[in-house]
Amino acid sequence: MRPKDDYLWLELGNARDEIGDTQGALAAFNEAVRFAPYYAHTRWQRGNLLLRMGHYEQAIADLRLAALSNSNFLPNFMDLAWGLSRGDAKATEQLLQINDDRTRLTYARFLARHGKAQEAVEQFRLAQASALEETRMDFLRQLIDAKAFREAFNLWKGSVGAGNKTMSVVYDGGFEGQLSLDEEMFGWRLLREQEGVTISLDATQQHSGTKSLRIQFNGNSNPNVPLLSQLILVKPQQRYRVNFAASTKDIVTGGLPFISIKDAGAGQLLGRSSSFPQATHPWQVLSFDFTTSPTTDALILSLQRNNCTSAPCPIFGFVWLDSFSIQELSDATHPLPK
């Protein structure tokens, strides 16, 4: 009574497939495609059956058309192509036959999730002209989450106009630029909201340049949450020295602030400064040395607090920070202990 209803042909094909009648299922799916050749679901069903039957070329053609017609099928199609190519990025791209930026950006994110950071960046750059900023930031977050720090850094420095920025540098170490609560990449990351803590730029106090960063403490705050941090690229198995300037006013607490360096990948503490002075103290330059591990690609520089002997851990007063830098040390500059 309804011989041209593609859904009925699909149901018949699925029923035949369940009882092992592969050829009968294919015949039914062929009818579904004949009556609805431009619908994604008919191509997708037949393509999956052809794939299981070993007819790869015909299967990929159907699956590709389904994904082009309905983007909801695209992630699954990429998974299938990735499996067929045994994780080869170029072979997968050939199977996908990417010819639009939307698909290319989706493939770039797919590669990032599968640990192919360099290939992901190449795909992203091919589609970069039409990529929205929101898409760019989402892709950078994926690279950082995948610990592909170098690839993320190279893409980020072009997007912010920092093309000459090299690795092993504290970005805006003097706080001369604008602070952003939305920074998630390689600039200063600020604690969004914590009761009793206010962070702002200060043009009235500076160690160098025209501004410094002021942190005002007024009550309880969590010592285990970094108030300020930055992701920095470094070399493995290399000695470094961090320099910065700090000033305090009326600091009263059992958990004084300090600057720490952690391995961004492993989370291991590599070094830390001495605790900032209590009460009021003028500008002073503080330094500390550390050595990266054989697997260290990036660091997280953070402003943190020591734990108090009891909870809660209140702190009152002001801290100013300025003139951050990181210096690569040679054996001649700072010989290793024997």
Protein backbone atom coordinates (compact mmCIF):
# COMPACT_ATOMS: atom_id res chain seq x y z
CA MET A 1 0.00 0.00 0.00
CA ARG A 2 2.99 2.34 0.53
CA PRO A 3 5.72 0.97 -1.76
CA LYS A 4 7.62 4.30 -1.93
CA ASP A 5 7.90 4.82 1.83
CA ASP A 6 11.66 4.80 2.49
CA TYR A 7 11.16 4.27 6.23
CA LEU A 8 9.29 1.02 5.61
CA TRP A 9 12.10 -0.22 3.34
CA LEU A 10 14.62 0.67 6.07
CA GLU A 11 12.59 -1.26 8.66
CA LEU A 12 12.45 -4.25 6.33
CA GLY A 13 16.20 -4.01 5.73
CA ASN A 14 16.92 -3.89 9.46
CA ALA A 15 14.63 -6.87 10.10
CA ARG A 16 16.35 -8.93 7.41
CA ASP A 17 19.77 -7.88 8.72
CA GLU A 18 18.85 -9.06 12.24
CA ILE A 19 18.07 -12.58 11.00
CA GLY A 20 21.27 -12.76 8.96
CA ASP A 21 19.74 -12.14 5.51
CA THR A 22 22.46 -9.71 4.40
CA GLN A 23 21.60 -9.76 0.69
CA GLY A 24 17.91 -9.26 1.44
CA ALA A 25 18.77 -6.36 3.76
CA LEU A 26 20.87 -4.76 1.03
CA ALA A 27 18.06 -5.11 -1.48
CA ALA A 28 15.68 -3.36 0.93
CA PHE A 29 18.18 -0.58 1.64
CA ASN A 30 18.69 -0.12 -2.11
CA GLU A 31 14.95 0.49 -2.45
CA ALA A 32 15.05 3.02 0.42
CA VAL A 33 17.86 4.91 -1.31
CA ARG A 34 16.03 4.73 -4.65
CA PHE A 35 12.94 6.41 -3.21
CA ALA A 36 14.87 8.89 -1.00
CA PRO A 37 18.27 9.40 -2.69
CA TYR A 38 19.00 12.75 -1.04
CA TYR A 39 18.07 11.76 2.51
CA ALA A 40 20.94 11.16 4.93
CA HIS A 41 19.37 8.30 6.89
CA THR A 42 18.92 6.02 3.87
CA ARG A 43 22.53 6.47 2.76
CA TRP A 44 23.79 6.00 6.32
CA GLN A 45 21.97 2.71 6.83
CA ARG A 46 23.09 1.26 3.51
CA GLY A 47 26.65 2.52 3.99
CA ASN A 48 26.99 0.78 7.35
CA LEU A 49 25.74 -2.50 5.87
CA LEU A 50 28.11 -2.21 2.90
CA LEU A 51 30.97 -1.53 5.31
CA ARG A 52 30.24 -4.73 7.23
CA MET A 53 30.01 -6.62 3.94
CA GLY A 54 33.50 -5.43 2.99
CA HIS A 55 32.40 -3.17 0.10
CA TYR A 56 34.50 -0.27 1.41
CA GLU A 57 34.46 2.04 -1.61
CA GLN A 58 30.67 1.93 -1.97
CA ALA A 59 30.24 2.19 1.81
CA ILE A 60 32.44 5.28 2.14
CA ALA A 61 30.58 6.95 -0.76
CA ASP A 62 27.23 6.43 1.00
CA LEU A 63 28.52 7.48 4.43
CA ARG A 64 30.18 10.59 3.00
CA LEU A 65 26.95 11.68 1.28
CA ALA A 66 25.02 11.09 4.52
CA ALA A 67 27.47 13.23 6.50
CA LEU A 68 27.33 16.01 3.92
CA SER A 69 23.55 15.97 4.01
CA ASN A 70 23.24 15.81 7.81
CA SER A 71 26.10 17.08 9.99
CA ASN A 72 24.88 14.93 12.89
CA PHE A 73 26.45 11.96 11.09
CA LEU A 74 29.81 13.69 10.62
CA PRO A 75 31.46 12.71 13.98
CA ASN A 76 30.54 9.04 13.46
CA PHE A 77 31.79 9.15 9.87
CA MET A 78 35.12 10.54 11.09
CA ASP A 79 35.38 7.75 13.66
CA LEU A 80 34.76 5.15 10.95
CA ALA A 81 37.28 6.73 8.56
CA TRP A 82 39.83 6.98 11.38
CA GLY A 83 39.42 3.29 12.18
CA LEU A 84 39.65 2.23 8.53
CA SER A 85 42.86 4.26 8.06
CA ARG A 86 44.33 2.89 11.33
CA GLY A 87 44.77 6.37 12.77
CA ASP A 88 46.53 7.89 9.73
CA ALA A 89 45.54 11.58 9.54
CA LYS A 90 46.27 11.96 5.81
CA ALA A 91 44.46 8.77 4.84
CA THR A 92 41.47 9.79 6.96
CA GLU A 93 41.38 13.19 5.25
CA GLN A 94 41.35 11.46 1.86
CA LEU A 95 38.42 9.29 2.90
CA LEU A 96 36.54 12.31 4.21
CA GLN A 97 37.22 14.36 1.05
CA ILE A 98 36.96 17.62 2.99
CA ASN A 99 35.85 20.52 0.81
CA ASP A 100 34.37 23.03 3.27
CA ASP A 101 35.65 24.89 6.33
CA ARG A 102 32.96 23.58 8.66
CA THR A 103 34.06 20.00 8.10
CA ARG A 104 37.73 20.98 8.25
CA LEU A 105 37.29 22.66 11.65
CA THR A 106 35.42 19.61 12.94
CA TYR A 107 38.26 17.40 11.71
CA ALA A 108 40.85 19.66 13.38
CA ARG A 109 39.09 19.25 16.73
CA PHE A 110 38.82 15.49 16.11
CA LEU A 111 42.59 15.26 15.52
CA ALA A 112 43.31 17.28 18.67
CA ARG A 113 41.23 14.85 20.73
CA HIS A 114 43.17 11.93 19.24
CA GLY A 115 46.60 13.33 20.11
CA LYS A 116 47.51 14.54 16.60
CA ALA A 117 48.27 18.12 17.59
CA GLN A 118 50.49 19.11 14.66
CA GLU A 119 48.07 17.69 12.09
CA ALA A 120 45.19 19.41 13.91
CA VAL A 121 46.91 22.79 13.69
CA GLU A 122 47.53 22.27 9.96
CA GLN A 123 43.82 21.60 9.39
CA PHE A 124 42.82 24.58 11.51
CA ARG A 125 45.13 26.92 9.59
CA LEU A 126 43.60 25.80 6.29
CA ALA A 127 40.20 26.92 7.59
CA GLN A 128 41.49 29.86 9.64
CA ALA A 129 40.23 32.57 7.28
CA SER A 130 36.62 31.75 8.09
CA ALA A 131 37.13 30.56 11.67
CA LEU A 132 35.26 32.59 14.26
CA GLU A 133 37.17 33.73 17.33
CA GLU A 134 34.97 31.53 19.51
CA THR A 135 35.94 28.53 17.38
CA ARG A 136 39.61 29.50 17.60
CA MET A 137 39.54 29.70 21.39
CA ASP A 138 37.68 26.40 21.67
CA PHE A 139 40.31 24.73 19.50
CA LEU A 140 43.15 26.22 21.56
CA ARG A 141 41.54 24.93 24.75
CA GLN A 142 41.39 21.46 23.21
CA LEU A 143 45.10 21.59 22.37
CA ILE A 144 45.99 22.70 25.90
CA ASP A 145 43.75 20.01 27.43
CA ALA A 146 45.60 17.49 25.24
CA LYS A 147 48.88 18.93 26.62
CA ALA A 148 49.94 19.98 23.10
CA PHE A 149 51.43 23.15 24.54
CA ARG A 150 53.85 24.02 21.74
CA GLU A 151 51.26 23.70 18.99
CA ALA A 152 48.77 25.74 21.02
CA PHE A 153 51.37 28.42 21.72
CA ASN A 154 52.32 28.83 18.06
CA LEU A 155 48.68 29.23 17.08
CA TRP A 156 47.90 31.56 20.00
CA LYS A 157 50.77 33.97 19.45
CA GLY A 158 49.58 34.61 15.90
CA SER A 159 45.98 35.19 17.00
CA VAL A 160 46.90 37.85 19.59
CA GLY A 161 49.39 39.64 17.39
CA ALA A 162 52.36 38.40 19.41
CA GLY A 163 54.16 36.92 16.44
CA ASN A 164 57.59 37.78 17.84
CA LYS A 165 56.90 36.27 21.25
CA THR A 166 59.28 33.41 21.88
CA MET A 167 59.08 30.56 24.36
CA SER A 168 60.44 30.83 27.91
CA VAL A 169 59.15 34.39 28.35
CA VAL A 170 56.68 35.74 30.90
CA TYR A 171 54.02 37.44 28.78
CA ASP A 172 53.43 41.04 30.00
CA GLY A 173 55.63 40.49 33.02
CA GLY A 174 55.29 44.17 33.97
CA PHE A 175 51.47 44.25 33.78
CA GLU A 176 51.51 47.05 31.24
CA GLY A 177 48.64 45.60 29.17
CA GLN A 178 45.01 44.94 29.97
CA LEU A 179 43.92 42.13 32.26
CA SER A 180 41.17 39.79 31.12
CA LEU A 181 39.10 37.48 33.30
CA ASP A 182 38.50 35.35 30.20
CA GLU A 183 42.19 34.59 29.51
CA GLU A 184 42.75 30.83 29.31
CA MET A 185 45.83 30.62 27.12
CA PHE A 186 49.33 32.04 27.62
CA GLY A 187 48.56 35.42 29.21
CA TRP A 188 47.86 36.18 32.85
CA ARG A 189 45.00 34.10 34.22
CA LEU A 190 43.18 35.72 37.13
CA LEU A 191 41.05 34.14 39.78
CA ARG A 192 37.53 35.10 38.71
CA GLU A 193 35.87 35.52 42.05
CA GLN A 194 36.97 34.71 45.57
CA GLU A 195 35.51 36.32 48.64
CA GLY A 196 37.99 38.61 50.35
CA VAL A 197 40.33 39.05 47.34
CA THR A 198 40.40 41.98 44.87
CA ILE A 199 42.90 42.05 41.97
CA SER A 200 43.50 45.17 39.85
CA LEU A 201 46.12 47.16 37.96
CA ASP A 202 47.72 50.05 39.88
CA ALA A 203 49.25 53.06 38.13
CA THR A 204 50.34 54.68 41.42
CA GLN A 205 52.74 51.91 42.49
CA GLN A 206 55.32 50.30 40.19
CA HIS A 207 58.73 48.71 40.31
CA SER A 208 59.26 49.21 36.57
CA GLY A 209 57.18 50.62 33.74
CA THR A 210 53.98 52.49 34.48
CA LYS A 211 51.84 49.94 36.34
CA SER A 212 51.90 47.01 38.73
CA LEU A 213 49.40 44.40 39.88
CA ARG A 214 47.69 45.02 43.22
CA ILE A 215 46.10 42.25 45.28
CA GLN A 216 43.97 43.36 48.22
CA PHE A 217 43.16 40.78 50.90
CA ASN A 218 40.27 41.34 53.25
CA GLY A 219 39.32 38.15 55.06
CA ASN A 220 39.20 34.42 54.43
CA SER A 221 40.44 32.99 51.11
CA ASN A 222 41.33 29.49 50.00
CA PRO A 223 45.14 29.00 50.15
CA ASN A 224 44.96 26.07 47.72
CA VAL A 225 43.53 28.11 44.82
CA PRO A 226 46.04 30.07 42.67
CA LEU A 227 45.14 33.76 42.61
CA LEU A 228 47.18 34.46 39.48
CA SER A 229 48.88 32.16 36.98
CA GLN A 230 50.48 31.96 33.56
CA LEU A 231 51.37 29.08 31.21
CA ILE A 232 54.97 29.32 29.92
CA LEU A 233 56.76 27.16 27.36
CA VAL A 234 60.20 25.86 28.37
CA LYS A 235 62.84 23.33 27.37
CA PRO A 236 63.11 19.92 29.08
CA GLN A 237 66.10 19.26 31.36
CA GLN A 238 67.00 22.93 31.57
CA ARG A 239 67.82 25.17 34.54
CA TYR A 240 65.85 28.40 34.87
CA ARG A 241 65.61 31.37 37.20
CA VAL A 242 62.41 33.29 37.90
CA ASN A 243 62.76 36.95 38.90
CA PHE A 244 60.01 39.27 40.10
CA ALA A 245 59.44 42.28 42.36
CA ALA A 246 57.05 42.35 45.31
CA SER A 247 55.91 44.93 47.83
CA THR A 248 53.59 44.48 50.81
CA LYS A 249 51.53 46.72 53.08
CA ASP A 250 49.88 45.77 56.37
CA ILE A 251 49.99 42.03 55.60
CA VAL A 252 48.67 39.96 58.51
CA THR A 253 48.14 36.22 58.07
CA GLY A 254 49.26 32.75 59.06
CA GLY A 255 49.48 31.76 55.38
CA LEU A 256 51.78 34.15 53.50
CA PRO A 257 51.74 34.38 49.67
CA PHE A 258 54.54 33.03 47.45
CA ILE A 259 55.25 32.31 43.77
CA SER A 260 55.43 28.68 42.60
CA ILE A 261 56.44 26.86 39.42
CA LYS A 262 54.78 23.55 38.48
CA ASP A 263 55.15 21.22 35.52
CA ALA A 264 52.04 21.96 33.41
CA GLY A 265 51.79 18.36 32.22
CA ALA A 266 52.59 16.35 35.33
CA GLY A 267 51.53 18.90 37.96
CA GLN A 268 54.81 18.40 39.85
CA LEU A 269 56.17 21.29 41.91
CA LEU A 270 59.54 22.32 40.46
CA GLY A 271 60.35 25.36 42.54
CA ARG A 272 59.00 28.20 44.65
CA SER A 273 59.99 31.56 46.06
CA SER A 274 60.39 32.45 49.68
CA SER A 275 57.22 33.67 51.39
CA PHE A 276 56.40 37.35 51.04
CA PRO A 277 57.21 39.46 54.10
CA GLN A 278 54.67 40.22 56.81
CA ALA A 279 53.55 43.74 57.67
CA THR A 280 54.84 46.48 55.33
CA HIS A 281 57.87 46.14 53.09
CA PRO A 282 59.06 48.23 50.11
CA TRP A 283 59.80 46.82 46.68
CA GLN A 284 62.30 44.00 46.65
CA VAL A 285 63.43 41.66 43.88
CA LEU A 286 62.95 37.96 44.64
CA SER A 287 64.45 35.08 42.64
CA PHE A 288 64.51 31.30 42.71
CA ASP A 289 66.00 28.58 40.49
CA PHE A 290 64.59 25.27 39.33
CA THR A 291 65.27 22.53 36.76
CA THR A 292 62.73 21.09 34.35
CA SER A 293 62.25 17.35 33.98
CA PRO A 294 63.03 15.33 30.79
CA THR A 295 59.32 15.49 29.87
CA THR A 296 58.56 19.11 30.76
CA ASP A 297 57.26 21.21 27.86
CA ALA A 298 55.48 23.96 29.79
CA LEU A 299 55.22 25.45 33.27
CA ILE A 300 52.52 27.07 35.31
CA LEU A 301 53.75 30.11 37.23
CA SER A 302 51.31 30.85 40.08
CA LEU A 303 50.68 33.19 42.99
CA GLN A 304 49.61 31.03 45.92
CA ARG A 305 49.46 31.08 49.71
CA ASN A 306 50.92 28.86 52.37
CA ASN A 307 48.41 26.86 54.37
CA CYS A 308 47.57 28.08 57.84
CA THR A 309 47.88 25.80 60.83
CA SER A 310 44.08 25.94 61.18
CA ALA A 311 41.08 26.64 58.96
CA PRO A 312 39.75 29.08 57.89
CA CYS A 313 42.89 30.90 56.78
CA PRO A 314 42.30 34.70 56.80
CA ILE A 315 44.64 37.27 55.31
CA PHE A 316 44.51 41.08 55.39
CA GLY A 317 46.57 43.75 53.63
CA PHE A 318 48.00 44.52 50.19
CA VAL A 319 50.52 42.89 47.84
CA TRP A 320 51.96 44.51 44.69
CA LEU A 321 53.71 42.46 41.99
CA ASP A 322 55.80 43.63 39.03
CA SER A 323 58.77 42.91 36.73
CA PHE A 324 58.30 39.15 36.18
CA SER A 325 60.91 37.44 34.01
CA ILE A 326 62.29 33.95 33.44
CA GLN A 327 65.94 33.38 32.62
CA GLU A 328 67.56 30.33 31.08
CA LEU A 329 70.68 29.37 33.02
CA SER A 330 73.82 27.78 31.67
CA ASP A 331 76.22 25.76 33.81
CA ALA A 332 78.58 28.72 33.74
CA THR A 333 75.84 31.04 34.98
CA HIS A 334 74.80 28.75 37.79
CA PRO A 335 76.89 25.57 38.11
CA LEU A 336 75.11 22.43 39.22
CA PRO A 337 76.11 21.02 42.60
CA LYS A 338 78.59 18.15 42.51
